[in-house]
């Protein structure tokens, strides 16, 4: 029995067909080999392709506003709605949608998680209440989506995004607060 295993392995190793031996040898990829129109596939070798599965983030539960809707919000501010610019202060100072407040999501990601008194100490304004609608925008829509997700984690129920954000606002000729 001790000899059976090595003998069986030797038999398997020697019974490799010629096509498989050619596949195992290093290939010379010269020009004539590359011009071959028929790929050589051994009948025992079947290529298997595993489909790639792409996973994305769950769909956002926030409302999505377009330019006209945000323009109306900007022109007619209300106590029930807060327009929040989540860009960095230097971007905000260069231009912002009139009526927007600045909460930089990149440098202050914990802003909405702060207690109301600490929020006011840090930002110099009162924290938006959970019953207000918070509308986020940034430069291109990426940071505003992240901010909307954070707001929902904190417990804000009425969350919206302006996905076109500042680039869309400028493209459509929206007024700039400076």
N, C-alpha and C. Protein backbone atom coordinates (compact mmCIF):
# COMPACT_ATOMS: atom_id res chain seq x y z
N UNK A 1 0.82 -1.18 0.00
CA UNK A 1 0.00 0.00 0.00
C UNK A 1 0.87 1.25 0.00
N UNK A 2 2.02 1.18 0.63
CA UNK A 2 2.89 2.33 0.67
C UNK A 2 3.42 2.67 -0.71
N UNK A 3 3.57 1.68 -1.60
CA UNK A 3 4.06 1.93 -2.95
C UNK A 3 2.95 2.34 -3.91
N UNK A 4 1.73 2.06 -3.58
CA UNK A 4 0.63 2.32 -4.50
C UNK A 4 0.47 3.82 -4.80
N UNK A 5 0.63 4.64 -3.81
CA UNK A 5 0.43 6.08 -4.00
C UNK A 5 1.48 6.69 -4.94
N UNK A 6 2.79 6.47 -4.70
CA UNK A 6 3.77 7.03 -5.64
C UNK A 6 3.63 6.49 -7.05
N UNK A 7 3.27 5.23 -7.19
CA UNK A 7 3.10 4.65 -8.52
C UNK A 7 1.90 5.30 -9.22
N UNK A 8 0.83 5.52 -8.49
CA UNK A 8 -0.36 6.15 -9.07
C UNK A 8 -0.05 7.58 -9.50
N UNK A 9 0.71 8.31 -8.69
CA UNK A 9 1.07 9.68 -9.05
C UNK A 9 1.95 9.71 -10.29
N UNK A 10 2.88 8.76 -10.38
CA UNK A 10 3.75 8.71 -11.56
C UNK A 10 2.93 8.41 -12.81
N UNK A 11 1.95 7.53 -12.68
CA UNK A 11 1.11 7.19 -13.83
C UNK A 11 0.30 8.40 -14.28
N UNK A 12 -0.18 9.17 -13.34
CA UNK A 12 -0.96 10.36 -13.70
C UNK A 12 -0.07 11.39 -14.40
N UNK A 13 1.13 11.56 -13.87
CA UNK A 13 2.03 12.57 -14.44
C UNK A 13 2.47 12.22 -15.86
N UNK A 14 2.59 10.97 -16.18
CA UNK A 14 3.06 10.58 -17.51
C UNK A 14 1.94 10.52 -18.52
N UNK A 15 0.69 10.49 -18.08
CA UNK A 15 -0.43 10.39 -19.01
C UNK A 15 -1.00 11.76 -19.38
N UNK A 16 -0.15 12.75 -19.45
CA UNK A 16 -0.59 14.08 -19.87
C UNK A 16 -0.53 14.12 -21.39
N UNK A 17 -1.62 14.52 -21.99
CA UNK A 17 -1.65 14.54 -23.45
C UNK A 17 -0.72 15.61 -24.01
N UNK A 18 -0.40 15.49 -25.26
CA UNK A 18 0.55 16.40 -25.89
C UNK A 18 0.05 17.85 -25.91
N UNK A 19 -1.25 18.05 -26.14
CA UNK A 19 -1.77 19.42 -26.15
C UNK A 19 -1.62 20.08 -24.78
N UNK A 20 -1.85 19.31 -23.71
CA UNK A 20 -1.68 19.87 -22.37
C UNK A 20 -0.22 20.17 -22.10
N UNK A 21 0.68 19.33 -22.58
CA UNK A 21 2.11 19.59 -22.39
C UNK A 21 2.50 20.89 -23.10
N UNK A 22 1.93 21.12 -24.28
CA UNK A 22 2.24 22.35 -25.00
C UNK A 22 1.71 23.58 -24.26
N UNK A 23 0.56 23.42 -23.63
CA UNK A 23 0.01 24.54 -22.87
C UNK A 23 0.85 24.86 -21.64
N UNK A 24 1.47 23.81 -21.08
CA UNK A 24 2.27 24.01 -19.87
C UNK A 24 3.64 24.59 -20.16
N UNK A 25 4.13 24.45 -21.38
CA UNK A 25 5.44 24.99 -21.74
C UNK A 25 5.37 26.50 -21.87
N UNK A 26 6.48 27.19 -21.62
CA UNK A 26 6.48 28.64 -21.86
C UNK A 26 6.22 28.93 -23.33
N UNK A 27 5.40 29.90 -23.58
CA UNK A 27 5.01 30.23 -24.95
C UNK A 27 5.92 31.31 -25.52
N UNK A 28 6.19 31.20 -26.79
CA UNK A 28 6.91 32.24 -27.51
C UNK A 28 5.87 33.03 -28.29
N UNK A 29 5.62 34.24 -27.86
CA UNK A 29 4.60 35.06 -28.50
C UNK A 29 5.21 35.89 -29.62
N UNK A 30 5.57 35.22 -30.66
CA UNK A 30 6.12 35.93 -31.81
C UNK A 30 4.97 36.36 -32.71
N UNK A 31 5.28 37.13 -33.71
CA UNK A 31 4.26 37.66 -34.61
C UNK A 31 3.42 36.57 -35.27
N UNK A 32 4.00 35.46 -35.80
CA UNK A 32 3.15 34.44 -36.41
C UNK A 32 2.18 33.80 -35.41
N UNK A 33 2.62 33.64 -34.18
CA UNK A 33 1.73 33.04 -33.18
C UNK A 33 0.57 33.97 -32.86
N UNK A 34 0.82 35.25 -32.88
CA UNK A 34 -0.25 36.19 -32.58
C UNK A 34 -1.24 36.32 -33.73
N UNK A 35 -0.81 35.99 -34.95
CA UNK A 35 -1.70 36.09 -36.11
C UNK A 35 -2.63 34.90 -36.25
N UNK A 36 -2.49 33.91 -35.44
CA UNK A 36 -3.31 32.71 -35.54
C UNK A 36 -4.78 33.08 -35.32
N UNK A 37 -5.63 32.65 -36.25
CA UNK A 37 -7.04 33.01 -36.14
C UNK A 37 -7.81 32.02 -35.28
N UNK A 38 -7.30 30.83 -35.09
CA UNK A 38 -7.99 29.82 -34.30
C UNK A 38 -7.29 29.63 -32.96
N UNK A 39 -7.95 29.95 -31.87
CA UNK A 39 -7.33 29.69 -30.58
C UNK A 39 -7.33 28.19 -30.31
N UNK A 40 -6.27 27.69 -29.74
CA UNK A 40 -6.21 26.25 -29.46
C UNK A 40 -6.73 26.01 -28.05
N UNK A 41 -7.82 25.30 -27.98
CA UNK A 41 -8.42 24.95 -26.69
C UNK A 41 -8.53 23.44 -26.63
N UNK A 42 -8.03 22.90 -25.58
CA UNK A 42 -8.07 21.45 -25.40
C UNK A 42 -9.48 21.05 -25.02
N UNK A 43 -9.86 19.86 -25.48
CA UNK A 43 -11.22 19.42 -25.20
C UNK A 43 -11.46 19.19 -23.71
N UNK A 44 -10.40 18.91 -22.97
CA UNK A 44 -10.55 18.67 -21.53
C UNK A 44 -10.49 19.95 -20.71
N UNK A 45 -10.01 21.02 -21.32
CA UNK A 45 -9.91 22.28 -20.60
C UNK A 45 -11.05 23.18 -21.06
N UNK A 46 -11.91 23.49 -20.15
CA UNK A 46 -13.04 24.36 -20.46
C UNK A 46 -12.91 25.63 -19.63
N UNK A 47 -12.77 26.72 -20.32
CA UNK A 47 -12.65 27.96 -19.55
C UNK A 47 -13.94 28.24 -18.80
N UNK A 48 -13.80 28.61 -17.58
CA UNK A 48 -14.99 28.97 -16.81
C UNK A 48 -14.87 30.44 -16.42
N UNK A 49 -15.93 31.14 -16.64
CA UNK A 49 -15.96 32.56 -16.33
C UNK A 49 -16.92 32.78 -15.18
N UNK A 50 -16.41 33.39 -14.15
CA UNK A 50 -17.24 33.74 -13.02
C UNK A 50 -17.75 35.15 -13.25
N UNK A 51 -19.05 35.33 -13.28
CA UNK A 51 -19.56 36.68 -13.52
C UNK A 51 -19.16 37.60 -12.37
N UNK A 52 -18.81 38.80 -12.74
CA UNK A 52 -18.43 39.79 -11.74
C UNK A 52 -19.70 40.39 -11.16
N UNK A 53 -19.73 40.50 -9.87
CA UNK A 53 -20.90 41.07 -9.22
C UNK A 53 -20.52 42.41 -8.61
N UNK A 54 -21.17 43.44 -9.05
CA UNK A 54 -20.88 44.78 -8.55
C UNK A 54 -21.88 45.10 -7.46
N UNK A 55 -21.38 45.57 -6.35
CA UNK A 55 -22.24 45.96 -5.24
C UNK A 55 -22.19 47.47 -5.11
N UNK A 56 -23.31 48.05 -4.87
CA UNK A 56 -23.34 49.49 -4.68
C UNK A 56 -24.01 49.79 -3.35
N UNK A 57 -23.95 51.02 -2.98
CA UNK A 57 -24.58 51.45 -1.73
C UNK A 57 -26.10 51.34 -1.89
N UNK A 58 -26.79 51.14 -0.79
CA UNK A 58 -28.25 51.09 -0.89
C UNK A 58 -28.79 52.41 -1.41
N UNK A 59 -29.92 52.33 -2.05
CA UNK A 59 -30.52 53.53 -2.62
C UNK A 59 -30.82 54.55 -1.53
N UNK A 60 -30.57 55.78 -1.83
CA UNK A 60 -30.78 56.85 -0.87
C UNK A 60 -32.28 57.06 -0.65
N UNK A 61 -32.62 57.33 0.59
CA UNK A 61 -34.02 57.59 0.93
C UNK A 61 -34.35 59.08 0.88
N UNK A 62 -33.37 59.87 0.51
CA UNK A 62 -33.58 61.31 0.50
C UNK A 62 -34.24 61.77 -0.80
N UNK A 63 -34.93 62.90 -0.70
CA UNK A 63 -35.53 63.50 -1.89
C UNK A 63 -34.43 64.12 -2.73
N UNK A 64 -34.68 64.25 -4.00
CA UNK A 64 -33.70 64.86 -4.91
C UNK A 64 -34.35 66.09 -5.53
N UNK A 65 -33.65 67.22 -5.39
CA UNK A 65 -34.13 68.48 -5.96
C UNK A 65 -33.31 68.84 -7.19
N UNK A 66 -33.96 69.55 -8.12
CA UNK A 66 -33.26 70.05 -9.30
C UNK A 66 -33.03 71.56 -9.15
N UNK A 67 -32.46 72.16 -10.17
CA UNK A 67 -32.09 73.58 -10.12
C UNK A 67 -33.29 74.47 -9.79
N UNK A 68 -34.40 74.28 -10.49
CA UNK A 68 -35.56 75.16 -10.30
C UNK A 68 -36.09 75.07 -8.87
N UNK A 69 -36.13 73.86 -8.32
CA UNK A 69 -36.64 73.69 -6.95
C UNK A 69 -35.71 74.36 -5.93
N UNK A 70 -34.41 74.21 -6.12
CA UNK A 70 -33.46 74.84 -5.20
C UNK A 70 -33.49 76.35 -5.35
N UNK A 71 -33.71 76.83 -6.55
CA UNK A 71 -33.81 78.28 -6.77
C UNK A 71 -35.01 78.84 -6.00
N UNK A 72 -36.13 78.12 -6.01
CA UNK A 72 -37.30 78.54 -5.24
C UNK A 72 -37.02 78.54 -3.75
N UNK A 73 -36.29 77.52 -3.29
CA UNK A 73 -35.92 77.46 -1.86
C UNK A 73 -35.05 78.65 -1.50
N UNK A 74 -34.11 78.98 -2.38
CA UNK A 74 -33.19 80.09 -2.14
C UNK A 74 -33.92 81.43 -2.14
N UNK A 75 -34.88 81.59 -3.04
CA UNK A 75 -35.61 82.86 -3.16
C UNK A 75 -36.64 83.05 -2.05
N UNK A 76 -37.20 81.95 -1.56
CA UNK A 76 -38.23 82.02 -0.52
C UNK A 76 -37.83 81.15 0.66
N UNK A 77 -36.90 81.63 1.49
CA UNK A 77 -36.48 80.82 2.65
C UNK A 77 -37.63 80.63 3.63
N UNK A 78 -37.63 79.49 4.30
CA UNK A 78 -38.66 79.22 5.30
C UNK A 78 -38.00 78.57 6.52
N UNK A 79 -38.68 78.66 7.65
CA UNK A 79 -38.16 78.10 8.89
C UNK A 79 -38.19 76.58 8.89
N UNK A 80 -39.00 75.99 8.01
CA UNK A 80 -39.12 74.53 7.96
C UNK A 80 -38.02 73.88 7.13
N UNK A 81 -37.21 74.67 6.45
CA UNK A 81 -36.23 74.12 5.51
C UNK A 81 -34.89 74.82 5.69
N UNK A 82 -33.80 74.03 5.67
CA UNK A 82 -32.45 74.58 5.79
C UNK A 82 -31.62 74.10 4.61
N UNK A 83 -31.02 75.04 3.90
CA UNK A 83 -30.14 74.72 2.77
C UNK A 83 -28.71 74.69 3.30
N UNK A 84 -28.04 73.54 3.16
CA UNK A 84 -26.71 73.35 3.76
C UNK A 84 -25.68 73.06 2.68
N UNK A 85 -24.65 73.90 2.65
CA UNK A 85 -23.50 73.73 1.76
C UNK A 85 -22.45 72.93 2.53
N UNK A 86 -22.09 71.74 2.04
CA UNK A 86 -21.15 70.88 2.77
C UNK A 86 -19.72 70.98 2.23
N UNK A 87 -19.44 71.99 1.39
CA UNK A 87 -18.08 72.19 0.90
C UNK A 87 -17.22 72.80 2.00
N UNK A 88 -15.94 72.83 1.78
CA UNK A 88 -15.01 73.43 2.73
C UNK A 88 -15.19 74.95 2.75
N UNK A 89 -14.81 75.61 3.86
CA UNK A 89 -15.00 77.06 3.97
C UNK A 89 -14.39 77.87 2.82
N UNK A 90 -13.24 77.46 2.33
CA UNK A 90 -12.62 78.20 1.21
C UNK A 90 -13.48 78.11 -0.05
N UNK A 91 -14.10 76.96 -0.29
CA UNK A 91 -15.00 76.81 -1.44
C UNK A 91 -16.27 77.64 -1.24
N UNK A 92 -16.77 77.62 -0.01
CA UNK A 92 -17.99 78.35 0.33
C UNK A 92 -17.79 79.85 0.14
N UNK A 93 -16.64 80.36 0.60
CA UNK A 93 -16.36 81.79 0.49
C UNK A 93 -16.22 82.25 -0.95
N UNK A 94 -15.82 81.35 -1.84
CA UNK A 94 -15.69 81.70 -3.26
C UNK A 94 -17.05 81.92 -3.91
N UNK A 95 -18.09 81.35 -3.34
CA UNK A 95 -19.44 81.50 -3.87
C UNK A 95 -20.34 80.42 -3.32
N UNK A 96 -21.59 80.79 -3.02
CA UNK A 96 -22.54 79.82 -2.47
C UNK A 96 -23.95 80.20 -2.90
N UNK A 97 -24.85 79.27 -2.74
CA UNK A 97 -26.26 79.53 -3.05
C UNK A 97 -26.81 80.43 -1.95
N UNK A 98 -27.43 81.56 -2.30
CA UNK A 98 -27.95 82.48 -1.29
C UNK A 98 -28.88 81.77 -0.30
N UNK A 99 -28.66 82.05 0.97
CA UNK A 99 -29.47 81.45 2.03
C UNK A 99 -28.89 80.17 2.60
N UNK A 100 -27.80 79.67 2.03
CA UNK A 100 -27.21 78.42 2.51
C UNK A 100 -26.28 78.67 3.68
N UNK A 101 -26.23 77.69 4.58
CA UNK A 101 -25.25 77.73 5.67
C UNK A 101 -24.15 76.73 5.34
N UNK A 102 -22.98 76.93 5.93
CA UNK A 102 -21.83 76.08 5.62
C UNK A 102 -21.55 75.11 6.76
N UNK A 103 -21.64 73.80 6.45
CA UNK A 103 -21.23 72.73 7.36
C UNK A 103 -20.28 71.82 6.59
N UNK A 104 -18.98 72.06 6.67
CA UNK A 104 -18.03 71.28 5.87
C UNK A 104 -17.98 69.81 6.31
N UNK A 105 -18.43 68.93 5.45
CA UNK A 105 -18.52 67.51 5.79
C UNK A 105 -17.16 66.83 5.86
N UNK A 106 -16.21 67.31 5.07
CA UNK A 106 -14.90 66.67 5.04
C UNK A 106 -14.10 66.97 6.31
N UNK A 107 -14.07 68.20 6.73
CA UNK A 107 -13.30 68.55 7.93
C UNK A 107 -14.11 68.44 9.22
N UNK A 108 -15.44 68.41 9.13
CA UNK A 108 -16.30 68.31 10.31
C UNK A 108 -17.37 67.23 10.12
N UNK A 109 -16.97 65.96 9.91
CA UNK A 109 -17.97 64.93 9.63
C UNK A 109 -18.91 64.64 10.80
N UNK A 110 -18.51 65.03 12.01
CA UNK A 110 -19.33 64.77 13.18
C UNK A 110 -20.31 65.89 13.50
N UNK A 111 -20.40 66.90 12.66
CA UNK A 111 -21.19 68.10 12.96
C UNK A 111 -22.63 67.77 13.34
N UNK A 112 -23.29 66.94 12.60
CA UNK A 112 -24.70 66.64 12.88
C UNK A 112 -24.87 65.71 14.08
N UNK A 113 -23.79 65.07 14.50
CA UNK A 113 -23.85 64.17 15.65
C UNK A 113 -23.66 64.92 16.98
N UNK A 114 -23.25 66.19 16.90
CA UNK A 114 -22.98 66.98 18.11
C UNK A 114 -24.27 67.37 18.82
N UNK A 115 -24.22 67.49 20.15
CA UNK A 115 -25.37 68.05 20.87
C UNK A 115 -25.58 69.50 20.43
N UNK A 116 -26.79 70.00 20.60
CA UNK A 116 -27.15 71.34 20.10
C UNK A 116 -26.25 72.44 20.65
N UNK A 117 -25.93 72.40 21.95
CA UNK A 117 -25.10 73.47 22.53
C UNK A 117 -23.67 73.42 21.99
N UNK A 118 -23.13 72.22 21.79
CA UNK A 118 -21.77 72.09 21.25
C UNK A 118 -21.74 72.51 19.77
N UNK A 119 -22.79 72.17 19.03
CA UNK A 119 -22.91 72.59 17.64
C UNK A 119 -22.88 74.11 17.54
N UNK A 120 -23.64 74.76 18.42
CA UNK A 120 -23.71 76.23 18.40
C UNK A 120 -22.36 76.85 18.77
N UNK A 121 -21.66 76.24 19.73
CA UNK A 121 -20.33 76.75 20.10
C UNK A 121 -19.34 76.63 18.95
N UNK A 122 -19.40 75.53 18.22
CA UNK A 122 -18.44 75.28 17.15
C UNK A 122 -18.74 76.10 15.90
N UNK A 123 -20.02 76.20 15.52
CA UNK A 123 -20.38 76.82 14.24
C UNK A 123 -21.01 78.21 14.36
N UNK A 124 -21.37 78.62 15.56
CA UNK A 124 -21.93 79.95 15.75
C UNK A 124 -23.35 80.11 15.25
N UNK A 125 -24.06 79.03 15.12
CA UNK A 125 -25.47 79.05 14.69
C UNK A 125 -26.17 77.87 15.35
N UNK A 126 -27.49 77.94 15.38
CA UNK A 126 -28.22 76.84 16.00
C UNK A 126 -28.26 75.62 15.08
N UNK A 127 -28.27 74.46 15.70
CA UNK A 127 -28.29 73.20 14.95
C UNK A 127 -29.67 73.01 14.33
N UNK A 128 -29.73 72.58 13.06
CA UNK A 128 -31.04 72.30 12.46
C UNK A 128 -31.78 71.24 13.28
N UNK A 129 -33.04 71.47 13.52
CA UNK A 129 -33.82 70.51 14.32
C UNK A 129 -34.23 69.33 13.45
N UNK A 130 -34.56 68.24 14.12
CA UNK A 130 -34.89 67.00 13.42
C UNK A 130 -36.18 67.12 12.61
N UNK A 131 -37.05 68.07 12.96
CA UNK A 131 -38.30 68.22 12.20
C UNK A 131 -38.17 69.15 11.00
N UNK A 132 -37.03 69.82 10.84
CA UNK A 132 -36.79 70.66 9.67
C UNK A 132 -36.34 69.80 8.50
N UNK A 133 -36.64 70.26 7.29
CA UNK A 133 -36.10 69.61 6.11
C UNK A 133 -34.70 70.15 5.88
N UNK A 134 -33.73 69.25 5.73
CA UNK A 134 -32.35 69.66 5.46
C UNK A 134 -32.03 69.29 4.02
N UNK A 135 -31.59 70.29 3.25
CA UNK A 135 -31.26 70.11 1.83
C UNK A 135 -29.76 70.33 1.68
N UNK A 136 -29.06 69.28 1.25
CA UNK A 136 -27.60 69.34 1.14
C UNK A 136 -27.16 69.55 -0.30
N UNK A 137 -26.08 70.32 -0.46
CA UNK A 137 -25.41 70.42 -1.76
C UNK A 137 -23.92 70.60 -1.52
N UNK A 138 -23.13 70.29 -2.54
CA UNK A 138 -21.67 70.47 -2.46
C UNK A 138 -21.20 71.02 -3.80
N UNK A 139 -20.12 70.52 -4.32
CA UNK A 139 -19.65 70.99 -5.63
C UNK A 139 -20.25 70.17 -6.76
N UNK A 140 -20.23 68.84 -6.61
CA UNK A 140 -20.71 67.99 -7.70
C UNK A 140 -21.74 66.95 -7.28
N UNK A 141 -22.04 66.83 -5.99
CA UNK A 141 -23.07 65.90 -5.54
C UNK A 141 -22.57 64.74 -4.71
N UNK A 142 -21.26 64.52 -4.65
CA UNK A 142 -20.72 63.37 -3.91
C UNK A 142 -20.79 63.61 -2.41
N UNK A 143 -20.25 64.72 -1.96
CA UNK A 143 -20.26 65.03 -0.53
C UNK A 143 -21.67 65.26 -0.01
N UNK A 144 -22.55 65.80 -0.84
CA UNK A 144 -23.92 66.03 -0.39
C UNK A 144 -24.64 64.71 -0.14
N UNK A 145 -24.35 63.70 -0.95
CA UNK A 145 -24.94 62.37 -0.73
C UNK A 145 -24.44 61.78 0.58
N UNK A 146 -23.14 61.95 0.85
CA UNK A 146 -22.58 61.46 2.11
C UNK A 146 -23.21 62.18 3.30
N UNK A 147 -23.39 63.49 3.18
CA UNK A 147 -23.99 64.27 4.25
C UNK A 147 -25.45 63.85 4.48
N UNK A 148 -26.17 63.59 3.40
CA UNK A 148 -27.56 63.14 3.52
C UNK A 148 -27.63 61.81 4.25
N UNK A 149 -26.71 60.93 3.93
CA UNK A 149 -26.65 59.63 4.60
C UNK A 149 -26.35 59.80 6.09
N UNK A 150 -25.41 60.68 6.42
CA UNK A 150 -25.10 60.95 7.82
C UNK A 150 -26.30 61.54 8.55
N UNK A 151 -27.00 62.45 7.91
CA UNK A 151 -28.18 63.07 8.53
C UNK A 151 -29.24 62.02 8.84
N UNK A 152 -29.42 61.08 7.94
CA UNK A 152 -30.39 60.01 8.18
C UNK A 152 -29.94 59.12 9.33
N UNK A 153 -28.63 58.88 9.45
CA UNK A 153 -28.12 58.09 10.57
C UNK A 153 -28.37 58.79 11.91
N UNK A 154 -28.26 60.11 11.92
CA UNK A 154 -28.48 60.88 13.14
C UNK A 154 -29.95 60.85 13.54
N UNK A 155 -30.84 60.75 12.57
CA UNK A 155 -32.26 60.70 12.87
C UNK A 155 -33.09 61.73 12.15
N UNK A 156 -32.51 62.48 11.24
CA UNK A 156 -33.29 63.42 10.45
C UNK A 156 -34.18 62.62 9.50
N UNK A 157 -35.45 62.94 9.51
CA UNK A 157 -36.41 62.21 8.68
C UNK A 157 -36.63 62.86 7.32
N UNK A 158 -36.53 64.16 7.28
CA UNK A 158 -36.84 64.92 6.08
C UNK A 158 -35.53 65.43 5.46
N UNK A 159 -34.88 64.57 4.67
CA UNK A 159 -33.56 64.86 4.10
C UNK A 159 -33.69 64.96 2.58
N UNK A 160 -33.02 65.94 2.00
CA UNK A 160 -33.04 66.12 0.54
C UNK A 160 -31.64 66.46 0.05
N UNK A 161 -31.43 66.24 -1.26
CA UNK A 161 -30.14 66.53 -1.89
C UNK A 161 -30.36 67.32 -3.17
N UNK A 162 -29.44 68.21 -3.42
CA UNK A 162 -29.38 68.87 -4.73
C UNK A 162 -28.18 68.22 -5.41
N UNK A 163 -28.42 67.18 -6.17
CA UNK A 163 -27.33 66.38 -6.74
C UNK A 163 -26.54 67.12 -7.81
N UNK A 164 -27.16 68.06 -8.48
CA UNK A 164 -26.42 68.86 -9.45
C UNK A 164 -25.42 69.76 -8.75
N UNK A 165 -25.75 70.14 -7.54
CA UNK A 165 -24.91 70.93 -6.65
C UNK A 165 -24.39 72.22 -7.29
N UNK A 166 -23.26 72.70 -6.82
CA UNK A 166 -22.74 74.01 -7.22
C UNK A 166 -22.44 74.09 -8.71
N UNK A 167 -21.92 73.01 -9.29
CA UNK A 167 -21.60 73.03 -10.73
C UNK A 167 -22.86 73.26 -11.56
N UNK A 168 -23.94 72.61 -11.20
CA UNK A 168 -25.21 72.78 -11.90
C UNK A 168 -25.77 74.19 -11.65
N UNK A 169 -25.61 74.66 -10.43
CA UNK A 169 -26.10 76.00 -10.08
C UNK A 169 -25.41 77.06 -10.93
N UNK A 170 -24.09 76.96 -11.05
CA UNK A 170 -23.34 77.92 -11.88
C UNK A 170 -23.68 77.78 -13.36
N UNK A 171 -23.79 76.54 -13.82
CA UNK A 171 -24.09 76.29 -15.24
C UNK A 171 -25.43 76.91 -15.64
N UNK A 172 -26.40 76.86 -14.73
CA UNK A 172 -27.73 77.40 -15.01
C UNK A 172 -27.85 78.89 -14.68
N UNK A 173 -26.76 79.50 -14.27
CA UNK A 173 -26.77 80.94 -14.01
C UNK A 173 -27.43 81.35 -12.72
N UNK A 174 -27.40 80.48 -11.72
CA UNK A 174 -27.98 80.82 -10.42
C UNK A 174 -27.19 81.92 -9.74
N UNK A 175 -27.88 82.78 -8.97
CA UNK A 175 -27.17 83.86 -8.28
C UNK A 175 -26.23 83.32 -7.22
N UNK A 176 -25.14 84.04 -6.99
CA UNK A 176 -24.14 83.61 -6.02
C UNK A 176 -24.09 84.57 -4.85
N UNK A 177 -24.10 84.00 -3.66
CA UNK A 177 -23.88 84.81 -2.46
C UNK A 177 -22.40 84.81 -2.15
N UNK A 178 -21.84 85.98 -1.89
CA UNK A 178 -20.41 86.06 -1.57
C UNK A 178 -20.20 86.94 -0.38
